């Protein structure tokens, strides 16, 4: 081995060790040095791609992976790294561009599987890509194959939780995330997925606590902070709807215009969440403030899987079993909207003089109240189901 080859090998060994402990900045520096010394070394480009992906530089990670594929077309690692980077880029896109990137990622993952059919990582990359195309049946099948090959891998359960989240299957996502954390208690991705799943399942205080812990463990990653901020945006949605009630009466805009303003402002936030998420300085603390833990939310160890969750084998697990077609956030928003309308019409009935036909208004109050009861009861039942699983 020449001195140059030995130096490159040492640099790659250092980069690999740093990647294992998630010190991506330093790992990237060593990988760049290896690439500079040996630009034809595919391993160096793969190490650089891994470090760039860890830093969230997914466009650069995809380029590095493509260079590794060019230099070593028979190695599955380059294809898997490219699939990972393209999937992460696709999550930030919309419409046709998202579909194009996701399909490219799936094709790259399938090539990785062809080259190494016994390696579970190829199936994990495929599942990540397929979930973005909403092909949840094939994504679930890919996860199950990965679980068959590596049932004790934290990464496998993290991907399983991700597919379950995409399928709006919150309880299954909680189970998968806790299994991952039982294997690797400091796994940032599993902790973040668990926090999201808990919040969407109705355990908002518990989920916020987990998200805050994830943000503390990986301060360089913005994912958990963004999820905390997005939860703060959900608080802002409710505040907007409540504040518009007295404003609507003072401005005499009427019930129809109230719903136009309330639903329009929430639709704007849904379509362009980045506008509000830029205000992380208040959105995340707002979530933490409204999610202060009380006595019933005491968590001795929220990351360990329960005996029930550990039962069975990986091969029997499915991200789609028990899924819900309508997510809890939609049901919750429907309940809040219906109860707000009920309150407004009740106020009109009791406090506004000169209402021509109070019997009609009373009938409208009854109708809105009846409409509000259904999503409310659904939320209560789902919350009891989550509590029963703990």
Protein backbone atom coordinates (compact mmCIF):
# COMPACT_ATOMS: atom_id res chain seq x y z
CA UNK A 1 0.00 0.00 0.00
CA UNK A 2 1.41 3.39 -1.04
CA UNK A 3 1.60 6.33 1.33
CA UNK A 4 -1.29 8.03 -0.53
CA UNK A 5 -3.50 4.94 -0.27
CA UNK A 6 -2.68 4.56 3.40
CA UNK A 7 -3.54 8.21 4.05
CA UNK A 8 -6.86 7.84 2.21
CA UNK A 9 -7.68 4.69 4.19
CA UNK A 10 -6.96 6.51 7.47
CA UNK A 11 -9.13 9.45 6.43
CA UNK A 12 -12.03 7.15 5.51
CA UNK A 13 -11.66 5.23 8.78
CA UNK A 14 -11.88 8.51 10.73
CA UNK A 15 -14.84 9.66 8.67
CA UNK A 16 -16.63 6.36 9.25
CA UNK A 17 -16.07 6.51 13.00
CA UNK A 18 -17.42 10.06 13.13
CA UNK A 19 -20.46 9.10 11.04
CA UNK A 20 -21.24 6.36 13.57
CA UNK A 21 -21.54 8.97 16.33
CA UNK A 22 -23.35 11.52 14.11
CA UNK A 23 -20.51 14.07 14.06
CA UNK A 24 -21.26 14.91 10.48
CA UNK A 25 -19.30 18.15 10.11
CA UNK A 26 -16.03 16.50 11.02
CA UNK A 27 -16.89 13.38 9.01
CA UNK A 28 -17.51 15.55 5.95
CA UNK A 29 -14.14 17.25 6.32
CA UNK A 30 -12.24 13.95 6.43
CA UNK A 31 -14.27 12.60 3.49
CA UNK A 32 -13.51 15.72 1.44
CA UNK A 33 -9.82 15.28 2.13
CA UNK A 34 -10.07 11.66 0.98
CA UNK A 35 -11.85 12.73 -2.23
CA UNK A 36 -9.18 15.36 -2.89
CA UNK A 37 -6.40 12.79 -2.49
CA UNK A 38 -8.19 10.01 -4.42
CA UNK A 39 -10.92 11.43 -6.72
CA UNK A 40 -11.34 7.98 -8.35
CA UNK A 41 -12.06 6.28 -5.01
CA UNK A 42 -15.76 5.36 -4.84
CA UNK A 43 -15.59 4.75 -1.08
CA UNK A 44 -14.49 8.35 -0.53
CA UNK A 45 -17.48 9.69 -2.48
CA UNK A 46 -19.84 7.39 -0.57
CA UNK A 47 -18.45 8.60 2.76
CA UNK A 48 -18.89 12.19 1.60
CA UNK A 49 -22.48 11.45 0.54
CA UNK A 50 -23.28 9.97 3.97
CA UNK A 51 -21.87 13.00 5.77
CA UNK A 52 -23.71 15.44 3.50
CA UNK A 53 -26.98 13.56 4.04
CA UNK A 54 -26.40 13.75 7.79
CA UNK A 55 -26.00 17.52 7.48
CA UNK A 56 -29.19 17.82 5.44
CA UNK A 57 -27.28 18.70 2.25
CA UNK A 58 -29.27 16.26 0.17
CA UNK A 59 -28.63 17.78 -3.26
CA UNK A 60 -24.88 17.53 -2.67
CA UNK A 61 -25.33 14.04 -1.21
CA UNK A 62 -27.13 12.92 -4.37
CA UNK A 63 -24.29 14.26 -6.54
CA UNK A 64 -21.66 12.49 -4.43
CA UNK A 65 -23.66 9.25 -4.61
CA UNK A 66 -23.97 9.56 -8.40
CA UNK A 67 -20.20 9.99 -8.67
CA UNK A 68 -19.74 6.87 -6.52
CA UNK A 69 -22.13 4.97 -8.83
CA UNK A 70 -20.14 6.13 -11.86
CA UNK A 71 -16.90 4.88 -10.29
CA UNK A 72 -18.34 1.62 -8.90
CA UNK A 73 -21.52 0.68 -10.80
CA UNK A 74 -21.66 -2.79 -9.25
CA UNK A 75 -21.72 -1.58 -5.66
CA UNK A 76 -25.22 -1.31 -4.10
CA UNK A 77 -24.12 1.34 -1.58
CA UNK A 78 -24.06 4.17 -4.11
CA UNK A 79 -27.58 3.38 -5.33
CA UNK A 80 -28.92 3.24 -1.78
CA UNK A 81 -27.29 6.57 -0.90
CA UNK A 82 -28.71 8.17 -4.03
CA UNK A 83 -32.17 6.81 -3.21
CA UNK A 84 -31.93 8.24 0.32
CA UNK A 85 -30.85 11.69 -0.90
CA UNK A 86 -33.52 11.87 -3.63
CA UNK A 87 -36.24 10.80 -1.18
CA UNK A 88 -35.24 13.55 1.24
CA UNK A 89 -35.21 16.13 -1.56
CA UNK A 90 -38.66 14.92 -2.68
CA UNK A 91 -40.15 15.55 0.77
CA UNK A 92 -39.50 19.28 0.27
CA UNK A 93 -41.10 19.37 -3.18
CA UNK A 94 -44.71 19.25 -4.34
CA UNK A 95 -46.72 17.91 -7.22
CA UNK A 96 -45.04 16.48 -10.30
CA UNK A 97 -41.51 17.28 -9.14
CA UNK A 98 -42.07 15.37 -5.92
CA UNK A 99 -43.40 12.37 -7.86
CA UNK A 100 -40.49 12.48 -10.31
CA UNK A 101 -37.87 12.51 -7.55
CA UNK A 102 -39.67 9.80 -5.59
CA UNK A 103 -39.86 7.52 -8.62
CA UNK A 104 -36.15 8.12 -9.33
CA UNK A 105 -35.38 7.25 -5.72
CA UNK A 106 -37.45 4.06 -5.96
CA UNK A 107 -35.67 3.04 -9.16
CA UNK A 108 -32.29 3.62 -7.54
CA UNK A 109 -33.34 1.62 -4.46
CA UNK A 110 -34.52 -1.27 -6.64
CA UNK A 111 -31.13 -1.35 -8.38
CA UNK A 112 -29.49 -1.52 -4.97
CA UNK A 113 -31.76 -4.45 -4.09
CA UNK A 114 -30.90 -6.21 -7.35
CA UNK A 115 -27.20 -5.94 -6.53
CA UNK A 116 -27.65 -7.01 -2.88
CA UNK A 117 -31.01 -8.77 -2.40
CA UNK A 118 -30.15 -9.92 1.14
CA UNK A 119 -29.28 -6.45 2.44
CA UNK A 120 -32.23 -4.89 4.36
CA UNK A 121 -31.03 -1.33 3.69
CA UNK A 122 -32.13 -1.53 0.07
CA UNK A 123 -35.68 -2.38 1.14
CA UNK A 124 -35.66 0.49 3.64
CA UNK A 125 -34.64 2.96 0.92
CA UNK A 126 -37.35 1.54 -1.33
CA UNK A 127 -40.01 1.89 1.36
CA UNK A 128 -39.03 5.53 1.98
CA UNK A 129 -39.35 6.31 -1.72
CA UNK A 130 -42.61 4.42 -2.26
CA UNK A 131 -44.37 6.12 0.63
CA UNK A 132 -43.78 9.46 -1.12
CA UNK A 133 -45.64 8.17 -4.16
CA UNK A 134 -48.49 7.06 -1.81
CA UNK A 135 -47.87 3.47 -2.91
CA UNK A 136 -48.34 2.34 0.66
CA UNK A 137 -49.05 -1.30 -0.12
CA UNK A 138 -45.65 -1.81 -1.78
CA UNK A 139 -43.95 0.36 0.84
CA UNK A 140 -45.44 -1.84 3.57
CA UNK A 141 -44.26 -4.97 1.72
CA UNK A 142 -40.73 -3.54 1.49
CA UNK A 143 -40.72 -2.80 5.23
CA UNK A 144 -41.92 -6.30 6.03
CA UNK A 145 -39.08 -7.78 3.94
CA UNK A 146 -36.58 -5.57 5.78
CA UNK A 147 -38.06 -6.71 9.09
CA UNK A 148 -37.69 -10.33 8.02
CA UNK A 149 -34.01 -9.73 7.23
CA UNK A 150 -33.20 -7.46 10.19
CA UNK A 151 -35.90 -7.55 12.90
CA UNK A 152 -33.52 -6.21 15.58
CA UNK A 153 -32.33 -3.16 13.65
CA UNK A 154 -33.37 0.26 14.93
CA UNK A 155 -33.19 1.67 11.38
CA UNK A 156 -35.72 -0.94 10.20
CA UNK A 157 -38.24 0.06 12.86
CA UNK A 158 -37.65 3.76 12.18
CA UNK A 159 -38.63 3.25 8.54
CA UNK A 160 -41.59 1.13 9.66
CA UNK A 161 -42.79 4.03 11.83
CA UNK A 162 -42.34 6.42 8.90
CA UNK A 163 -44.54 4.31 6.61
CA UNK A 164 -47.14 3.99 9.39
CA UNK A 165 -47.17 7.78 9.83
CA UNK A 166 -47.75 8.22 6.10
CA UNK A 167 -50.67 5.78 6.39
CA UNK A 168 -52.18 7.86 9.26
CA UNK A 169 -51.76 4.80 11.49
CA UNK A 170 -50.64 6.58 14.65
CA UNK A 171 -50.81 3.68 17.11
CA UNK A 172 -48.73 1.44 14.84
CA UNK A 173 -46.23 4.27 14.32
CA UNK A 174 -45.95 4.63 18.11
CA UNK A 175 -45.31 0.90 18.45
CA UNK A 176 -42.63 0.90 15.74
CA UNK A 177 -40.90 4.02 17.13
CA UNK A 178 -40.78 2.55 20.63
CA UNK A 179 -39.34 -0.69 19.29
CA UNK A 180 -36.60 1.31 17.58
CA UNK A 181 -35.88 3.21 20.79
CA UNK A 182 -35.82 0.00 22.80
CA UNK A 183 -32.93 -1.05 20.53
CA UNK A 184 -31.26 2.38 20.32
CA UNK A 185 -32.54 4.76 23.06
CA UNK A 186 -30.74 7.77 21.55
CA UNK A 187 -32.02 7.31 18.00
CA UNK A 188 -33.00 10.80 16.90
CA UNK A 189 -35.22 9.78 13.98
CA UNK A 190 -37.17 7.29 16.10
CA UNK A 191 -37.67 9.89 18.81
CA UNK A 192 -38.88 12.46 16.31
CA UNK A 193 -41.31 9.98 14.71
CA UNK A 194 -42.57 8.98 18.15
CA UNK A 195 -43.23 12.60 19.09
CA UNK A 196 -45.16 13.23 15.87
CA UNK A 197 -47.18 10.02 16.24
CA UNK A 198 -48.06 10.74 19.87
CA UNK A 199 -49.24 14.25 19.07
CA UNK A 200 -51.37 13.08 16.15
CA UNK A 201 -52.84 10.30 18.29
CA UNK A 202 -54.02 12.89 20.82
CA UNK A 203 -51.18 12.62 23.35
CA UNK A 204 -50.01 16.14 22.65
CA UNK A 205 -48.20 16.83 25.93
CA UNK A 206 -46.33 13.55 25.80
CA UNK A 207 -45.50 14.01 22.12
CA UNK A 208 -44.19 17.52 22.69
CA UNK A 209 -41.93 16.27 25.48
CA UNK A 210 -40.47 13.64 23.14
CA UNK A 211 -39.95 16.19 20.35
CA UNK A 212 -38.19 18.54 22.75
CA UNK A 213 -35.90 15.69 23.82
CA UNK A 214 -35.17 14.88 20.16
CA UNK A 215 -34.26 18.51 19.50
CA UNK A 216 -31.93 18.44 22.51
CA UNK A 217 -30.19 15.25 21.38
CA UNK A 218 -29.57 16.48 17.82
CA UNK A 219 -29.29 20.28 17.93
CA UNK A 220 -27.87 20.40 14.39
CA UNK A 221 -31.00 18.84 12.89
CA UNK A 222 -34.00 21.04 12.22
CA UNK A 223 -36.61 18.26 11.89
CA UNK A 224 -37.73 18.05 15.52
CA UNK A 225 -37.64 21.86 15.90
CA UNK A 226 -39.76 22.17 12.77
CA UNK A 227 -42.27 19.66 14.16
CA UNK A 228 -42.41 21.62 17.42
CA UNK A 229 -42.96 24.81 15.47
CA UNK A 230 -45.63 23.18 13.34
CA UNK A 231 -47.42 22.20 16.54
CA UNK A 232 -47.21 25.86 17.53
CA UNK A 233 -48.80 26.74 14.20
CA UNK A 234 -51.70 24.43 15.09
CA UNK A 235 -52.17 26.44 18.27
CA UNK A 236 -52.16 29.58 16.12
CA UNK A 237 -54.93 28.10 13.94
CA UNK A 238 -57.21 27.75 16.97
CA UNK A 239 -56.30 31.23 18.22
CA UNK A 240 -57.23 32.71 14.83
CA UNK A 241 -60.62 31.02 14.84
CA UNK A 242 -61.38 32.13 18.39
CA UNK A 243 -60.24 35.73 17.87
CA UNK A 244 -62.31 36.08 14.73
CA UNK A 245 -65.53 35.40 16.67
CA UNK A 246 -65.71 38.76 18.55
CA UNK A 247 -64.07 40.59 15.64
CA UNK A 248 -66.75 39.25 13.33
CA UNK A 249 -69.56 40.51 15.55
CA UNK A 250 -67.96 43.92 16.11
CA UNK A 251 -67.41 44.37 12.38
CA UNK A 252 -70.86 42.93 11.54
CA UNK A 253 -69.35 40.63 8.93
CA UNK A 254 -71.83 37.82 9.53
CA UNK A 255 -71.53 34.08 9.90
CA UNK A 256 -70.62 33.33 6.28
CA UNK A 257 -67.76 35.83 6.19
CA UNK A 258 -66.51 34.48 9.54
CA UNK A 259 -66.10 31.05 8.01
CA UNK A 260 -64.50 32.56 4.91
CA UNK A 261 -61.89 34.36 7.02
CA UNK A 262 -61.36 31.49 9.49
CA UNK A 263 -61.08 28.72 6.93
CA UNK A 264 -59.19 30.96 4.49
CA UNK A 265 -56.51 31.86 7.03
CA UNK A 266 -56.09 28.21 8.03
CA UNK A 267 -55.93 27.16 4.39
CA UNK A 268 -53.20 29.75 3.83
CA UNK A 269 -51.20 28.32 6.72
CA UNK A 270 -51.70 24.80 5.38
CA UNK A 271 -50.59 25.75 1.87
CA UNK A 272 -47.61 27.86 2.93
CA UNK A 273 -46.50 26.57 6.36
CA UNK A 274 -42.99 27.90 5.76
CA UNK A 275 -44.28 31.46 6.22
CA UNK A 276 -45.20 30.75 9.83
CA UNK A 277 -42.47 28.21 10.53
CA UNK A 278 -39.88 30.91 9.97
CA UNK A 279 -41.05 32.33 13.30
CA UNK A 280 -39.55 29.44 15.29
CA UNK A 281 -38.65 31.82 18.08
CA UNK A 282 -42.30 31.84 19.17
CA UNK A 283 -43.89 28.80 17.53
CA UNK A 284 -41.88 26.09 19.35
CA UNK A 285 -42.01 27.80 22.79
CA UNK A 286 -45.75 28.28 22.28
CA UNK A 287 -46.13 24.54 21.85
CA UNK A 288 -44.07 23.80 24.92
CA UNK A 289 -46.09 26.31 26.97
CA UNK A 290 -49.42 24.73 26.04
CA UNK A 291 -48.04 21.25 26.58
CA UNK A 292 -46.84 21.53 30.18
CA UNK A 293 -46.92 18.10 31.72
CA UNK A 294 -49.45 17.47 34.44
CA UNK A 295 -49.85 14.52 36.81
CA UNK A 296 -51.61 12.23 34.34
CA UNK A 297 -48.84 12.69 31.77
CA UNK A 298 -46.02 11.43 33.97
CA UNK A 299 -43.47 9.52 31.87
CA UNK A 300 -41.13 7.19 33.68
CA UNK A 301 -39.65 5.94 30.41
CA UNK A 302 -41.63 6.84 27.28
CA UNK A 303 -39.09 5.31 24.92
CA UNK A 304 -39.20 1.66 25.98
CA UNK A 305 -41.66 -0.62 24.24
CA UNK A 306 -44.26 -2.25 26.43
CA UNK A 307 -44.66 -5.99 26.77
CA UNK A 308 -47.63 -5.83 24.41
CA UNK A 309 -45.61 -3.97 21.80
CA UNK A 310 -42.74 -6.45 21.98
CA UNK A 311 -45.03 -9.40 21.36
CA UNK A 312 -44.84 -11.18 18.04
CA UNK A 313 -42.21 -11.22 15.32
CA UNK A 314 -41.21 -8.65 12.77
CA UNK A 315 -42.75 -10.66 9.95
CA UNK A 316 -46.28 -10.22 11.38
CA UNK A 317 -46.04 -6.46 11.57
CA UNK A 318 -47.85 -4.22 9.08
CA UNK A 319 -47.96 -0.45 8.74
CA UNK A 320 -51.42 -0.60 7.17
CA UNK A 321 -53.23 -2.85 9.63
CA UNK A 322 -55.60 -0.75 11.72
CA UNK A 323 -54.92 2.44 9.74
CA UNK A 324 -57.39 5.33 9.72
CA UNK A 325 -58.42 6.97 6.49
CA UNK A 326 -59.13 10.29 8.24
CA UNK A 327 -56.35 11.58 10.48
CA UNK A 328 -56.95 12.94 13.96
CA UNK A 329 -55.83 16.50 13.03
CA UNK A 330 -58.62 16.66 10.41
CA UNK A 331 -61.16 15.27 12.87
CA UNK A 332 -59.97 17.72 15.54
CA UNK A 333 -60.23 20.66 13.13
CA UNK A 334 -63.76 19.57 12.18
CA UNK A 335 -64.76 19.41 15.84
CA UNK A 336 -63.34 22.86 16.60
CA UNK A 337 -65.06 24.36 13.54
CA UNK A 338 -68.42 22.81 14.37
CA UNK A 339 -68.31 23.81 18.04
CA UNK A 340 -67.24 27.35 17.09
CA UNK A 341 -70.22 27.61 14.74
CA UNK A 342 -72.49 26.28 17.49
CA UNK A 343 -71.17 28.89 19.94
CA UNK A 344 -71.68 31.71 17.45
CA UNK A 345 -75.24 30.71 16.63
CA UNK A 346 -76.04 30.28 20.34
CA UNK A 347 -74.68 33.76 20.96
CA UNK A 348 -76.87 35.11 18.15
CA UNK A 349 -79.89 33.34 19.62
CA UNK A 350 -79.39 34.56 23.20
CA UNK A 351 -77.68 37.93 22.94
CA UNK A 352 -78.43 39.56 19.58
CA UNK A 353 -81.69 41.52 19.56
CA UNK A 354 -83.92 41.68 16.54
CA UNK A 355 -83.40 38.15 15.27
CA UNK A 356 -86.40 37.54 13.03
CA UNK A 357 -86.92 33.84 13.45
CA UNK A 358 -85.42 32.48 16.66
CA UNK A 359 -86.87 29.05 15.99
CA UNK A 360 -84.77 28.73 12.82
CA UNK A 361 -81.64 29.88 14.67
CA UNK A 362 -82.33 27.37 17.46
CA UNK A 363 -82.68 24.61 14.87
CA UNK A 364 -79.33 25.63 13.34
CA UNK A 365 -77.73 25.49 16.80
CA UNK A 366 -79.02 21.94 17.28
CA UNK A 367 -77.75 20.90 13.84
CA UNK A 368 -74.26 22.32 14.42
CA UNK A 369 -74.10 20.76 17.89
CA UNK A 370 -75.07 17.39 16.44
CA UNK A 371 -72.41 17.76 13.74
CA UNK A 372 -69.82 18.66 16.39
CA UNK A 373 -70.59 15.62 18.51
CA UNK A 374 -69.43 13.08 15.92
CA UNK A 375 -65.79 14.24 15.59
CA UNK A 376 -65.68 14.88 19.35
CA UNK A 377 -66.71 11.31 20.14
CA UNK A 378 -64.25 9.99 17.55
CA UNK A 379 -61.41 11.90 19.22
CA UNK A 380 -62.41 10.63 22.66
CA UNK A 381 -62.50 7.04 21.44
CA UNK A 382 -59.09 7.37 19.79
CA UNK A 383 -57.62 8.86 22.93
CA UNK A 384 -58.96 5.96 25.01
CA UNK A 385 -57.42 3.52 22.52
CA UNK A 386 -54.03 5.21 22.85
CA UNK A 387 -54.27 5.20 26.66
CA UNK A 388 -55.22 1.52 26.57
CA UNK A 389 -52.04 0.71 24.64
CA UNK A 390 -49.79 2.30 27.24
